[in-house]
Amino acid sequence: MADMFSLDGKIAVVIGGAGSIGGAVALGLAQQGAKVSIASRNLERLEASKKKIQEETGAEVALFQVDMNDEQSVIHLAEQVLSEFNTVDILINAHGANTKSPAEEFTAEKWDALFDLNVRGIMFACREFGKIMIKNKKGKIVILSSVRGSRATLWGGNLGYCSSKGAVDMFTKALASEWAQYNINVNAVAPSLVAKPETWATRTPEQIEKYLANIPLKRVADPKETAGIFAFLASPASDFITGQVIYLDGGLSAVA
């Protein structure tokens, strides 16, 4: 049974690998034996993530700078990874952002910026790395979504974010259906709040109390708790799972 979860020899790309969630996911994949490439716009944070992975696992780690708002940058990333490793088995899209604004004040610029990064950037990455997987007739794609793709918040400001994650969920299902013929599994992981440094920065104590009251487990997730589900969806153990959005939300979606 242990081999079902092994990623030995697999080539994995984690976009957003400099972030709290992406870094934890990259570490988890490396711990399961994958050769990991991490990509982000922030080189300093990429170096820190690479150092942590190497110190804890001794695994081979490559890093690449990429701007997910720039189509040519994403194309170049796929070319670099292919040149370095000759193939790609696993693509993790763990990048994204949230721009908060009251609905009546949402500007076109803010709306477009959210969708460009959270949706269009994912499309670019899946398209380019998917070409490699289609040629190989196999692959695993896991996309970071959010419980907010199907559940609104109890306070305002998240219209754009919720809408973009709803688009990500539907993107996941449509791509899974289209690429099943190539033996490519496409799934999404939808967390609720994750305890990143920025998690509490824009929330009042009252909001936090109200939020936790609706979580059956009465807490938020630690970034390292995201790694397991991504590793599972990247492994042979999930070969018959595709087109799914899996909620990592402490039970929120079960009761709300």
Protein backbone atom coordinates (compact mmCIF):
# COMPACT_ATOMS: atom_id res chain seq x y z
CA MET A 1 0.00 0.00 0.00
CA ALA A 2 2.85 2.40 0.76
CA ASP A 3 3.90 2.44 -2.90
CA MET A 4 0.50 3.84 -3.86
CA PHE A 5 1.52 7.13 -2.26
CA SER A 6 5.10 7.18 -3.50
CA LEU A 7 6.27 9.92 -5.86
CA ASP A 8 9.73 8.47 -6.37
CA GLY A 9 11.23 9.69 -9.63
CA LYS A 10 8.30 11.96 -10.47
CA ILE A 11 8.98 15.46 -11.78
CA ALA A 12 6.78 18.01 -10.04
CA VAL A 13 6.32 21.72 -10.70
CA VAL A 14 4.86 23.86 -7.92
CA ILE A 15 3.84 27.32 -9.11
CA GLY A 16 3.54 29.54 -6.07
CA GLY A 17 6.23 27.47 -4.39
CA ALA A 18 7.54 30.52 -2.53
CA GLY A 19 4.27 30.98 -0.64
CA SER A 20 3.17 29.47 2.65
CA ILE A 21 0.87 26.91 1.06
CA GLY A 22 2.95 26.31 -2.08
CA GLY A 23 6.11 25.91 -0.05
CA ALA A 24 4.47 23.39 2.26
CA VAL A 25 3.11 21.47 -0.73
CA ALA A 26 6.52 21.43 -2.45
CA LEU A 27 8.10 20.11 0.75
CA GLY A 28 5.43 17.41 1.01
CA LEU A 29 6.00 16.26 -2.56
CA ALA A 30 9.75 16.14 -1.99
CA GLN A 31 9.22 14.07 1.16
CA GLN A 32 7.33 11.56 -0.99
CA GLY A 33 10.28 11.30 -3.38
CA ALA A 34 9.47 13.78 -6.14
CA LYS A 35 12.03 15.96 -7.85
CA VAL A 36 10.54 19.40 -7.32
CA SER A 37 10.72 22.63 -9.28
CA ILE A 38 9.34 25.68 -7.53
CA ALA A 39 8.33 28.82 -9.37
CA SER A 40 7.25 32.28 -8.26
CA ARG A 41 7.84 35.95 -8.94
CA ASN A 42 9.77 36.48 -5.69
CA LEU A 43 13.31 35.09 -6.01
CA GLU A 44 14.24 35.78 -2.40
CA ARG A 45 11.32 33.75 -1.07
CA LEU A 46 12.02 31.03 -3.65
CA GLU A 47 15.57 30.70 -2.35
CA ALA A 48 14.27 30.39 1.22
CA SER A 49 11.75 27.73 0.17
CA LYS A 50 14.42 25.80 -1.74
CA LYS A 51 16.77 25.90 1.25
CA LYS A 52 14.07 24.58 3.60
CA ILE A 53 13.17 21.71 1.28
CA GLN A 54 16.79 20.71 0.77
CA GLU A 55 17.60 20.91 4.48
CA GLU A 56 14.61 18.76 5.46
CA THR A 57 14.68 16.21 2.64
CA GLY A 58 17.98 16.39 0.78
CA ALA A 59 15.85 16.34 -2.39
CA GLU A 60 16.77 17.87 -5.72
CA VAL A 61 15.09 21.26 -6.05
CA ALA A 62 15.15 23.70 -8.96
CA LEU A 63 13.76 27.20 -8.87
CA PHE A 64 12.46 29.41 -11.63
CA GLN A 65 11.17 32.96 -11.66
CA VAL A 66 7.80 33.44 -13.35
CA ASP A 67 5.14 36.11 -13.68
CA MET A 68 1.77 34.38 -13.90
CA ASN A 69 0.21 37.52 -15.35
CA ASP A 70 2.55 37.25 -18.35
CA GLU A 71 1.70 34.57 -20.90
CA GLN A 72 5.21 34.52 -22.37
CA SER A 73 6.71 34.13 -18.90
CA VAL A 74 4.58 31.02 -18.30
CA ILE A 75 5.51 29.61 -21.71
CA HIS A 76 9.18 30.19 -20.89
CA LEU A 77 8.76 28.47 -17.52
CA ALA A 78 7.47 25.31 -19.19
CA GLU A 79 10.36 25.42 -21.66
CA GLN A 80 12.89 25.79 -18.81
CA VAL A 81 11.46 22.90 -16.81
CA LEU A 82 11.35 20.67 -19.88
CA SER A 83 14.94 21.56 -20.72
CA GLU A 84 16.05 20.80 -17.15
CA PHE A 85 14.11 17.57 -16.52
CA ASN A 86 12.93 16.40 -19.98
CA THR A 87 9.38 15.83 -18.74
CA VAL A 88 6.74 16.84 -16.19
CA ASP A 89 4.53 14.42 -14.27
CA ILE A 90 2.86 16.72 -11.74
CA LEU A 91 1.71 20.33 -11.96
CA ILE A 92 0.61 22.16 -8.83
CA ASN A 93 -1.01 25.57 -9.29
CA ALA A 94 -0.69 27.09 -5.81
CA HIS A 95 -0.52 30.76 -6.71
CA GLY A 96 -3.26 33.35 -6.27
CA ALA A 97 -4.29 36.55 -4.55
CA ASN A 98 -7.25 38.37 -3.05
CA THR A 99 -8.07 42.02 -3.58
CA LYS A 100 -10.84 43.10 -1.22
CA SER A 101 -13.33 45.81 -2.12
CA PRO A 102 -16.99 46.56 -1.40
CA ALA A 103 -19.03 45.33 -4.35
CA GLU A 104 -20.28 48.82 -5.17
CA GLU A 105 -16.69 50.08 -5.34
CA PHE A 106 -15.07 47.26 -7.30
CA THR A 107 -13.11 48.77 -10.18
CA ALA A 108 -12.58 47.11 -13.52
CA GLU A 109 -8.84 47.18 -12.89
CA LYS A 110 -9.10 45.31 -9.57
CA TRP A 111 -11.54 42.80 -11.03
CA ASP A 112 -9.40 42.11 -14.08
CA ALA A 113 -6.23 41.79 -11.98
CA LEU A 114 -7.86 39.13 -9.79
CA PHE A 115 -9.11 37.10 -12.74
CA ASP A 116 -5.84 37.51 -14.64
CA LEU A 117 -3.86 35.94 -11.79
CA ASN A 118 -6.37 33.55 -10.22
CA VAL A 119 -7.93 32.21 -13.42
CA ARG A 120 -6.08 33.20 -16.58
CA GLY A 121 -2.67 32.38 -15.06
CA ILE A 122 -3.89 28.90 -14.16
CA MET A 123 -5.13 28.42 -17.70
CA PHE A 124 -1.72 29.41 -19.08
CA ALA A 125 0.08 26.96 -16.79
CA CYS A 126 -2.27 24.06 -17.44
CA ARG A 127 -2.14 24.69 -21.18
CA GLU A 128 1.65 24.73 -21.40
CA PHE A 129 2.45 21.90 -19.01
CA GLY A 130 -0.58 19.99 -20.27
CA LYS A 131 1.01 19.82 -23.72
CA ILE A 132 3.84 17.79 -22.18
CA MET A 133 1.41 15.53 -20.32
CA ILE A 134 -0.72 14.99 -23.42
CA LYS A 135 2.37 13.84 -25.29
CA ASN A 136 3.20 11.47 -22.42
CA LYS A 137 -0.41 10.28 -22.14
CA LYS A 138 -0.35 10.81 -18.36
CA GLY A 139 -0.14 13.49 -15.71
CA LYS A 140 -1.52 14.91 -12.47
CA ILE A 141 -2.71 18.52 -12.14
CA VAL A 142 -3.81 19.90 -8.78
CA ILE A 143 -5.13 23.45 -8.48
CA LEU A 144 -5.41 25.55 -5.34
CA SER A 145 -8.98 26.81 -5.13
CA SER A 146 -10.89 27.92 -2.03
CA VAL A 147 -14.04 27.08 -0.13
CA ARG A 148 -15.04 30.56 -1.33
CA GLY A 149 -15.59 29.12 -4.78
CA SER A 150 -18.85 27.68 -3.46
CA ARG A 151 -19.49 29.54 -0.18
CA ALA A 152 -19.76 33.29 0.28
CA THR A 153 -18.32 35.08 3.30
CA LEU A 154 -20.26 36.53 6.22
CA TRP A 155 -18.74 39.93 5.49
CA GLY A 156 -18.23 41.93 2.32
CA GLY A 157 -15.24 42.67 0.17
CA ASN A 158 -14.77 39.26 -1.40
CA LEU A 159 -16.97 39.44 -4.48
CA GLY A 160 -14.04 39.27 -6.89
CA TYR A 161 -12.20 36.56 -5.00
CA CYS A 162 -15.25 34.32 -4.59
CA SER A 163 -16.11 34.75 -8.26
CA SER A 164 -12.59 33.92 -9.39
CA LYS A 165 -12.48 30.77 -7.27
CA GLY A 166 -15.88 29.72 -8.60
CA ALA A 167 -14.34 30.00 -12.05
CA VAL A 168 -11.38 27.90 -10.91
CA ASP A 169 -13.73 25.15 -9.71
CA MET A 170 -15.51 25.01 -13.06
CA PHE A 171 -12.21 25.20 -14.92
CA THR A 172 -11.07 22.14 -12.96
CA LYS A 173 -14.15 20.12 -13.89
CA ALA A 174 -14.11 21.11 -17.57
CA LEU A 175 -10.40 20.41 -18.00
CA ALA A 176 -10.70 17.07 -16.21
CA SER A 177 -13.42 16.04 -18.62
CA GLU A 178 -11.52 17.18 -21.70
CA TRP A 179 -8.19 15.64 -20.75
CA ALA A 180 -9.39 12.35 -19.29
CA GLN A 181 -8.76 10.84 -22.73
CA TYR A 182 -5.05 11.50 -22.18
CA ASN A 183 -4.97 9.90 -18.71
CA ILE A 184 -4.49 13.30 -17.07
CA ASN A 185 -6.17 13.78 -13.69
CA VAL A 186 -7.24 17.32 -12.83
CA ASN A 187 -8.47 18.13 -9.33
CA ALA A 188 -8.66 21.11 -7.00
CA VAL A 189 -8.11 21.58 -3.29
CA ALA A 190 -10.36 24.16 -1.64
CA PRO A 191 -9.17 25.26 1.80
CA SER A 192 -10.91 27.58 4.18
CA LEU A 193 -8.62 29.95 6.07
CA VAL A 194 -5.01 28.83 6.37
CA ALA A 195 -2.79 30.29 9.08
CA LYS A 196 -0.43 32.31 6.89
CA PRO A 197 1.20 35.55 8.08
CA GLU A 198 -1.34 37.57 6.12
CA THR A 199 -4.36 35.54 7.28
CA TRP A 200 -5.42 37.84 10.10
CA ALA A 201 -4.10 41.13 8.72
CA THR A 202 -7.39 42.20 7.10
CA ARG A 203 -9.79 40.68 9.63
CA THR A 204 -11.14 42.16 12.84
CA PRO A 205 -11.36 40.16 16.10
CA GLU A 206 -15.15 40.08 15.63
CA GLN A 207 -14.77 38.61 12.15
CA ILE A 208 -12.36 35.97 13.41
CA GLU A 209 -14.72 34.98 16.23
CA LYS A 210 -17.67 34.76 13.82
CA TYR A 211 -15.61 32.77 11.36
CA LEU A 212 -14.39 30.19 13.87
CA ALA A 213 -17.92 29.77 15.24
CA ASN A 214 -18.88 28.28 11.87
CA ILE A 215 -15.97 25.83 11.70
CA PRO A 216 -16.79 22.49 13.34
CA LEU A 217 -13.12 21.95 14.21
CA LYS A 218 -12.99 25.50 15.67
CA ARG A 219 -9.65 26.44 14.14
CA VAL A 220 -7.95 27.26 10.88
CA ALA A 221 -5.54 25.00 9.01
CA ASP A 222 -1.79 25.09 9.33
CA PRO A 223 0.00 25.36 5.93
CA LYS A 224 1.63 21.96 6.49
CA GLU A 225 -1.85 20.42 6.68
CA THR A 226 -2.38 21.26 3.01
CA ALA A 227 0.55 19.12 1.88
CA GLY A 228 -1.07 15.72 2.41
CA ILE A 229 -4.06 16.19 0.14
CA PHE A 230 -1.91 17.61 -2.66
CA ALA A 231 0.54 14.71 -2.35
CA PHE A 232 -2.36 12.24 -2.41
CA LEU A 233 -3.85 13.80 -5.54
CA ALA A 234 -0.42 13.71 -7.19
CA SER A 235 0.12 10.02 -6.32
CA PRO A 236 -1.04 6.74 -7.89
CA ALA A 237 -3.47 6.37 -4.96
CA SER A 238 -5.75 8.94 -6.66
CA ASP A 239 -5.66 7.53 -10.19
CA PHE A 240 -9.45 7.18 -10.37
CA ILE A 241 -10.18 10.64 -8.98
CA THR A 242 -10.61 13.50 -11.43
CA GLY A 243 -12.74 16.61 -11.79
CA GLN A 244 -13.17 16.94 -8.03
CA VAL A 245 -12.97 19.91 -5.71
CA ILE A 246 -11.89 18.60 -2.31
CA TYR A 247 -12.63 20.79 0.69
CA LEU A 248 -9.90 21.22 3.28
CA ASP A 249 -12.06 23.36 5.54
CA GLY A 250 -12.43 21.88 9.02
CA GLY A 251 -16.00 20.88 8.20
CA LEU A 252 -17.23 24.33 7.10
CA SER A 253 -18.79 23.15 3.85
CA ALA A 254 -20.57 20.31 5.66
CA VAL A 255 -22.62 22.61 7.83
CA ALA A 256 -22.76 26.05 6.21
